[in-house]
Protein backbone atom coordinates (compact mmCIF):
# COMPACT_ATOMS: atom_id res chain seq x y z
CA MET A 1 -0.22 0.13 0.26
CA LYS A 2 2.87 2.46 0.72
CA GLU A 3 4.28 1.82 -2.72
CA VAL A 4 0.87 2.57 -4.40
CA HIS A 5 0.71 6.33 -1.88
CA LYS A 6 4.71 6.72 -3.10
CA ASN A 7 3.99 5.77 -6.54
CA PHE A 8 1.41 8.23 -6.58
CA LEU A 9 2.92 11.04 -5.38
CA LYS A 10 5.74 10.46 -7.46
CA LYS A 11 3.31 10.77 -10.12
CA TYR A 12 1.10 13.52 -9.53
CA TRP A 13 3.43 15.82 -6.76
CA ILE A 14 3.49 18.84 -9.76
CA ALA A 15 -0.12 18.58 -9.51
CA ILE A 16 -0.70 18.55 -6.07
CA TRP A 17 1.71 21.22 -5.54
CA LEU A 18 0.02 23.45 -7.27
CA LEU A 19 -3.44 22.63 -5.73
CA VAL A 20 -1.99 23.49 -2.26
CA THR A 21 -0.06 26.51 -3.31
CA SER A 22 -3.23 27.95 -5.39
CA LEU A 23 -6.02 27.09 -1.93
CA SER A 24 -3.13 29.24 -0.03
CA LEU A 25 -3.35 32.20 -2.57
CA VAL A 26 -6.88 32.05 -1.86
CA SER A 27 -6.86 32.42 1.36
CA VAL A 28 -4.39 35.22 1.11
CA ILE A 29 -6.61 36.98 -1.07
CA ILE A 30 -9.82 36.09 0.88
CA VAL A 31 -8.11 37.89 3.94
CA GLN A 32 -7.29 40.48 1.83
CA ALA A 33 -10.32 41.12 0.87
CA ALA A 34 -11.86 41.30 4.59
CA TYR A 35 -9.16 43.73 5.91
CA ASN A 36 -9.93 46.02 3.07
CA LYS A 37 -13.85 45.87 3.28
CA THR A 38 -13.34 46.67 7.51
CA SER A 39 -10.49 49.37 6.25
CA THR A 40 -13.63 50.68 3.81
CA VAL A 41 -15.27 50.98 7.13
CA LYS A 42 -13.37 52.49 9.23
CA SER A 43 -12.41 55.08 6.41
CA VAL A 44 -16.48 56.09 6.07
CA VAL A 45 -16.90 56.44 9.89
CA ALA A 46 -14.21 58.85 10.12
CA ARG A 47 -15.82 60.95 7.65
CA VAL A 48 -19.02 61.16 9.64
CA GLY A 49 -18.21 64.55 11.24
CA THR A 50 -17.83 66.15 7.36
CA ILE A 51 -21.28 65.21 6.44
CA GLY A 52 -23.28 68.54 5.11
CA LYS A 53 -20.59 70.84 5.46
CA HIS A 54 -18.77 70.41 1.71
CA PHE A 55 -22.45 72.26 0.84
CA SER A 56 -22.27 75.48 2.22
CA SER A 57 -23.04 78.89 1.70
CA ASN A 58 -22.57 82.49 3.08
CA TYR A 59 -25.72 82.78 4.30
CA LEU A 60 -27.87 79.46 3.89
CA GLN A 61 -27.49 77.25 7.15
CA ALA A 62 -28.02 73.32 7.68
CA GLY A 63 -30.82 72.39 9.74
CA SER A 64 -34.16 71.53 9.17
CA GLU A 65 -35.51 74.65 10.50
CA MET A 66 -35.40 77.54 8.45
CA VAL A 67 -33.87 80.60 10.20
CA ASN A 68 -33.88 84.27 10.30
CA VAL A 69 -30.05 85.38 9.07
CA PRO A 70 -29.95 89.29 8.86
CA MET A 71 -28.22 90.90 5.44
CA TYR A 72 -26.61 94.36 6.42
CA VAL A 73 -27.00 97.22 4.20
CA ASN A 74 -27.13 100.99 4.48
CA ALA A 75 -29.41 103.87 4.68
CA GLU A 76 -28.08 105.45 1.46
CA ASP A 77 -27.43 102.56 -0.81
CA THR A 78 -28.88 102.93 -4.22
CA GLU A 79 -29.23 99.11 -4.71
CA PRO A 80 -29.09 97.76 -1.30
CA GLY A 81 -28.12 93.89 -1.25
CA ASP A 82 -25.79 91.55 -0.95
CA TYR A 83 -24.48 88.51 -2.49
CA VAL A 84 -25.70 84.90 -1.15
CA ARG A 85 -22.91 82.62 -2.34
CA ILE A 86 -23.06 78.38 -2.45
CA PHE A 87 -20.04 76.58 -2.25
CA ASN A 88 -19.31 73.02 -2.47
CA TYR A 89 -16.36 73.04 -0.03
CA PRO A 90 -16.82 73.92 4.20
CA TYR A 91 -17.55 77.80 5.01
CA GLY A 92 -13.85 78.94 4.33
CA ASN A 93 -12.15 75.92 3.43
CA PRO A 94 -11.68 76.19 -0.47
CA GLY A 95 -8.74 73.72 0.00
CA ASP A 96 -11.24 70.94 0.79
CA PRO A 97 -13.80 70.53 -2.44
CA TYR A 98 -16.66 68.10 -2.46
CA TYR A 99 -15.26 65.14 -4.64
CA ARG A 100 -17.53 65.12 -7.66
CA GLN A 101 -20.22 67.59 -9.01
CA ILE A 102 -23.43 68.96 -7.15
CA THR A 103 -26.83 69.49 -8.99
CA TYR A 104 -28.82 71.54 -6.61
CA ALA A 105 -32.15 73.23 -6.90
CA LEU A 106 -32.80 76.32 -5.90
CA SER A 107 -36.12 77.50 -4.38
CA MET A 108 -37.02 81.51 -3.69
CA LYS A 109 -40.36 82.81 -1.43
CA LEU A 110 -41.47 85.43 -0.40
CA VAL A 111 -43.04 86.05 2.79
CA TYR A 112 -44.14 88.05 5.86
CA TYR A 113 -44.55 87.94 9.34
CA ASN A 114 -47.84 87.55 10.35
CA SER A 115 -48.56 88.30 14.05
CA THR A 116 -52.14 87.38 13.83
CA THR A 117 -51.08 83.55 13.11
CA ASP A 118 -47.97 83.61 14.52
CA LYS A 119 -45.97 82.30 10.91
CA TYR A 120 -44.24 83.18 8.14
CA GLU A 121 -46.62 83.46 5.21
CA ALA A 122 -46.36 84.13 1.26
CA ALA A 123 -46.98 87.81 0.17
CA THR A 124 -49.88 88.99 -0.97
CA GLU A 125 -50.23 91.86 -3.66
CA THR A 126 -51.64 94.22 -0.70
CA VAL A 127 -48.90 93.14 1.41
CA VAL A 128 -45.68 93.53 -1.08
CA GLY A 129 -47.46 96.97 -2.37
CA ASP A 130 -44.54 98.45 -4.33
CA ARG A 131 -41.77 96.32 -3.24
CA TYR A 132 -39.78 93.79 -4.68
CA ILE A 133 -36.39 91.91 -4.58
CA THR A 134 -34.93 90.25 -7.33
CA ALA A 135 -32.58 87.63 -7.43
CA THR A 136 -29.83 87.06 -10.28
CA LEU A 137 -27.79 84.13 -10.49
CA ASN A 138 -25.94 82.57 -13.98
CA GLY A 139 -26.73 85.83 -15.91
CA THR A 140 -31.24 85.42 -15.11
CA THR A 141 -32.77 87.84 -12.87
CA TYR A 142 -35.95 86.69 -11.01
CA THR A 143 -38.21 89.35 -9.45
CA PHE A 144 -40.19 88.64 -6.37
CA GLY A 145 -42.88 91.60 -5.75
CA LYS A 146 -43.50 94.49 -7.74
CA ASN A 147 -42.31 93.63 -11.30
CA GLY A 148 -43.20 97.19 -13.47
CA SER A 149 -47.09 97.21 -13.46
CA GLU A 150 -47.69 93.81 -12.20
CA TYR A 151 -46.46 91.08 -9.67
CA SER A 152 -43.99 88.22 -10.04
CA ASN A 153 -43.46 84.99 -8.29
CA LEU A 154 -46.06 85.51 -5.50
CA GLY A 155 -47.51 82.60 -3.34
CA ASP A 156 -45.51 78.80 -4.32
CA THR A 157 -45.52 80.32 -7.82
CA PHE A 158 -42.01 79.68 -8.62
CA THR A 159 -40.05 77.15 -9.89
CA PRO A 160 -36.96 76.01 -8.73
CA VAL A 161 -33.79 76.73 -10.50
CA ILE A 162 -31.66 74.15 -11.04
CA SER A 163 -27.80 74.71 -11.03
CA THR A 164 -24.60 72.56 -10.69
CA LEU A 165 -21.25 73.10 -8.67
CA SER A 166 -17.89 71.67 -10.26
CA GLY A 167 -16.64 69.13 -8.35
CA ALA A 168 -12.57 68.01 -7.31
CA THR A 169 -12.06 71.83 -7.49
CA ALA A 170 -13.16 74.76 -5.42
CA SER A 171 -16.59 75.41 -7.22
CA THR A 172 -18.82 78.74 -6.02
CA ASP A 173 -22.44 79.82 -7.36
CA SER A 174 -23.09 83.89 -6.53
CA MET A 175 -26.49 85.31 -6.77
CA LYS A 176 -26.86 89.15 -6.18
CA LEU A 177 -30.04 90.17 -3.79
CA THR A 178 -31.16 93.43 -4.74
CA TYR A 179 -33.96 95.04 -2.35
CA SER A 180 -36.04 97.91 -3.67
CA THR A 181 -34.87 101.28 -1.69
CA ASN A 182 -38.41 101.95 -0.01
CA GLN A 183 -37.42 98.98 2.05
CA VAL A 184 -34.36 99.99 3.17
CA THR A 185 -36.25 103.48 3.93
CA ALA A 186 -39.12 101.35 5.81
CA LEU A 187 -36.36 100.00 8.07
CA SER A 188 -34.83 103.53 9.30
CA SER A 189 -38.59 104.67 9.97
CA SER A 190 -40.45 104.93 13.52
CA THR A 191 -43.05 103.21 12.31
CA VAL A 192 -44.15 100.79 9.36
CA LEU A 193 -47.96 100.74 7.91
CA PRO A 194 -49.91 97.87 8.98
CA SER A 195 -50.71 96.96 5.78
CA GLN A 196 -46.82 96.71 4.63
CA PRO A 197 -44.88 94.36 7.10
CA LYS A 198 -41.39 93.64 6.44
CA LEU A 199 -40.84 90.85 3.42
CA TYR A 200 -38.52 88.42 3.76
CA LEU A 201 -37.08 86.32 0.73
CA GLU A 202 -36.96 82.46 1.99
CA ILE A 203 -34.10 80.70 0.17
CA THR A 204 -33.58 76.80 0.15
CA ALA A 205 -30.88 75.35 -2.35
CA LYS A 206 -31.07 70.97 -1.95
CA PRO A 207 -28.61 68.82 -3.66
CA THR A 208 -30.78 66.81 -6.14
CA PRO A 209 -31.60 64.08 -6.48
CA GLU A 210 -31.51 63.58 -2.89
CA ASN A 211 -30.54 59.75 -2.92
CA THR A 212 -27.67 60.59 -4.66
CA TYR A 213 -25.95 62.78 -2.14
CA LEU A 214 -26.67 61.42 0.56
CA ASP A 215 -23.43 62.93 2.29
CA LEU A 216 -24.85 66.67 2.11
CA GLU A 217 -27.51 68.49 3.38
CA THR A 218 -29.93 70.85 2.25
CA ILE A 219 -29.28 74.21 3.55
CA GLN A 220 -31.40 77.14 4.14
CA ALA A 221 -32.51 80.44 5.51
CA ARG A 222 -34.85 83.89 5.79
CA ILE A 223 -33.16 86.62 4.57
CA ASP A 224 -33.72 89.10 6.93
CA LEU A 225 -32.85 92.89 5.98
CA LYS A 226 -31.05 95.68 8.57
CA LEU A 227 -29.54 98.67 8.67
CA ASN A 228 -25.46 98.88 9.39
CA GLY A 229 -25.70 99.52 13.03
CA THR A 230 -28.48 98.05 13.96
CA VAL A 231 -27.97 95.86 17.54
CA ILE A 232 -28.77 92.46 18.00
CA PRO A 233 -29.76 91.19 21.34
CA VAL A 234 -26.39 88.52 22.24
CA THR A 235 -27.95 85.45 23.27
CA TRP A 236 -27.94 82.01 22.72
CA SER A 237 -30.26 79.07 23.58
CA GLY A 238 -31.10 75.08 23.51
CA TYR A 239 -34.12 73.53 22.95
CA PHE A 240 -35.75 70.39 22.30
CA ASN A 241 -37.30 70.54 18.60
CA GLU A 242 -39.90 67.96 19.21
CA THR A 243 -43.35 67.92 18.42
CA ALA A 244 -44.87 65.36 20.50
CA SER A 245 -46.83 66.06 23.63
CA SER A 246 -45.09 63.68 25.98
CA PRO A 247 -41.01 62.68 26.04
CA SER A 248 -41.72 59.25 26.70
CA SER A 249 -43.12 58.42 23.34
CA LEU A 250 -39.98 58.92 22.19
CA GLU A 251 -36.56 57.03 21.89
CA GLY A 252 -34.60 60.13 21.17
CA PHE A 253 -34.55 63.78 20.86
CA ASN A 254 -33.29 66.53 18.35
CA TYR A 255 -31.88 69.58 20.28
CA VAL A 256 -30.70 72.96 18.53
CA ILE A 257 -28.73 74.95 20.14
CA ALA A 258 -29.07 78.16 18.37
CA GLY A 259 -28.21 82.11 18.85
CA VAL A 260 -26.00 85.07 17.57
CA GLY A 261 -23.05 86.89 19.60
CA SER A 262 -19.36 85.91 21.18
CA GLY A 263 -19.59 83.94 23.86
CA SER A 264 -19.21 80.24 25.92
CA ILE A 265 -22.18 77.19 26.05
CA THR A 266 -22.12 75.12 28.80
CA LEU A 267 -24.39 72.22 28.35
CA SER A 268 -25.08 69.96 30.85
CA TRP A 269 -27.19 66.64 30.99
CA ASN A 270 -28.31 63.82 33.48
CA SER A 271 -26.76 60.78 31.38
CA ASP A 272 -28.16 58.43 33.96
CA TYR A 273 -31.23 59.24 32.08
CA VAL A 274 -30.34 60.83 28.78
CA GLU A 275 -27.21 60.47 26.94
CA LEU A 276 -25.48 63.55 24.34
CA ASN A 277 -24.46 62.18 20.33
CA GLN A 278 -20.99 61.18 21.06
CA ASN A 279 -20.06 62.36 17.81
CA PHE A 280 -21.54 65.92 18.00
CA ILE A 281 -18.98 66.05 21.62
CA THR A 282 -16.04 65.02 19.09
CA GLU A 283 -16.73 67.08 16.20
CA LEU A 284 -16.40 70.14 18.64
CA GLY A 285 -13.16 68.89 19.34
CA LEU A 286 -13.65 68.10 22.78
CA THR A 287 -13.20 64.69 24.90
CA PRO A 288 -16.95 63.04 25.92
CA PRO A 289 -17.07 63.27 29.19
CA SER A 290 -16.87 59.46 31.59
CA GLY A 291 -18.68 58.37 34.60
CA SER A 292 -22.31 58.46 35.55
CA GLY A 293 -24.44 61.18 36.61
CA ARG A 294 -24.60 64.70 35.65
CA LYS A 295 -22.48 65.70 32.32
CA THR A 296 -20.82 68.86 31.37
CA ILE A 297 -19.40 70.25 28.20
CA THR A 298 -18.35 74.08 27.69
CA PHE A 299 -17.62 75.30 23.74
CA PRO A 300 -16.65 78.70 22.19
CA VAL A 301 -19.37 80.54 19.93
CA ASP A 302 -18.36 83.54 18.22
CA SER A 303 -21.09 84.09 15.38
CA ASN A 304 -22.20 87.62 14.01
CA THR A 305 -25.35 86.33 12.57
CA ILE A 306 -28.25 83.68 14.26
CA SER A 307 -26.07 80.17 13.97
CA ARG A 308 -27.02 76.86 15.31
CA TYR A 309 -25.90 73.75 15.94
CA ASP A 310 -28.39 70.56 16.07
CA THR A 311 -27.74 67.31 17.97
CA GLN A 312 -29.45 64.67 19.69
CA PHE A 313 -30.13 63.10 23.11
CA TYR A 314 -31.05 59.07 23.25
CA TRP A 315 -32.52 58.00 26.67
CA THR A 316 -30.27 55.71 28.49
CA GLY A 317 -32.15 53.85 30.98
CA ALA A 318 -36.08 53.12 31.67
CA GLN A 319 -38.21 56.33 31.83
CA SER A 320 -41.47 57.14 33.63
CA SER A 321 -44.60 57.79 31.27
CA ALA A 322 -45.25 60.30 33.92
CA ILE A 323 -42.30 62.47 32.73
CA ILE A 324 -42.67 65.52 31.22
CA TRP A 325 -41.05 68.07 29.02
CA ASN A 326 -40.09 70.62 32.17
CA ASP A 327 -38.63 67.41 33.16
CA MET A 328 -36.55 66.98 30.37
CA GLY A 329 -35.66 71.29 29.27
CA THR A 330 -36.46 73.74 27.40
CA LEU A 331 -39.32 72.60 24.46
CA LYS A 332 -39.31 74.55 21.45
CA GLY A 333 -41.37 77.84 21.16
CA SER A 334 -41.08 77.50 25.00
CA ASP A 335 -39.64 80.05 27.56
CA ALA A 336 -36.60 79.18 29.09
CA ASN A 337 -36.82 76.40 31.51
CA THR A 338 -36.38 77.58 35.32
CA ASN A 339 -36.38 73.64 36.96
CA SER A 340 -32.70 73.16 37.84
CA SER A 341 -32.98 69.39 37.77
CA ALA A 342 -33.83 69.14 33.91
CA TYR A 343 -32.14 66.68 32.23
CA VAL A 344 -30.68 68.64 30.40
CA ILE A 345 -29.37 72.26 30.77
CA CYS A 346 -28.03 74.78 28.45
CA THR A 347 -26.71 78.37 29.71
CA PHE A 348 -25.02 81.24 27.48
CA THR A 349 -21.90 83.62 29.14
CA GLU A 350 -21.49 86.48 26.84
CA THR A 351 -18.12 87.26 26.19
CA THR A 352 -17.34 90.46 27.90
């Protein structure tokens, strides 16, 4: 029997050697493929901190809520306004452009604040009067309000404009906004006619189709015309951006920190009940606090326009159905929470 095995090995040793070598090579390839897959996942996780920042603007801001952003003009300007710029890189960092072309839809809407309904509503001819706002992009001018003897783009009639930003190199779209001078005159007047409240232009830039830009966010703002020298109160605040009547019905919570001015934010939370999104902490350049009980982080803020941070809190333990928003912290649309033991407390200290 041994002779048979020897003869077999002598006759087929080359084939056997090739088979063993091939299996070893396959093992190496499989291991290498698994390693590369792991490396790819790590690479994706490492980039989470930059999500959305490669589509930015000097006025428009990321976030689910439309916010007022001031645009300053001088009383003597003959063409009052400014440029709204949209970038394919994080604002202020043209050396880090998005890796491919960005196609986006630009929507605009003329609105006014209705004090009766406490909402911003589409402007009507009565509200507009003889006023207008023009937006010029890529050689085309769009008029919102009184256009000669007629009215343009009132309500939701404006069709979004499709524009593109080049990829792999810094690219910018510049849209010039121009206001009729009578709006500037009204800003310097001590009284404004009730029939002609202030006009705002809401602007939204949304990467499209959305499912091809999952790493980019929609940016938007409600442009608020102001005179140079206007004093904006320095204040920042934090609040839960939720509509549920009871926090116990939610698994997590959207939390917003918004304001204007220079100073520092102190955010504290009771980690026995809720925990702050750790990515938010690391994006601020901070180390997540350890331990249990109440945790605290402090970070600087400095903005001459209304800015905001969006983050999330999550339950860390069992919660009672009796918990109300006053236990949690300040809810959107509510006055500051005076409950000193609230789960989440946000305070602002102005730089003196």
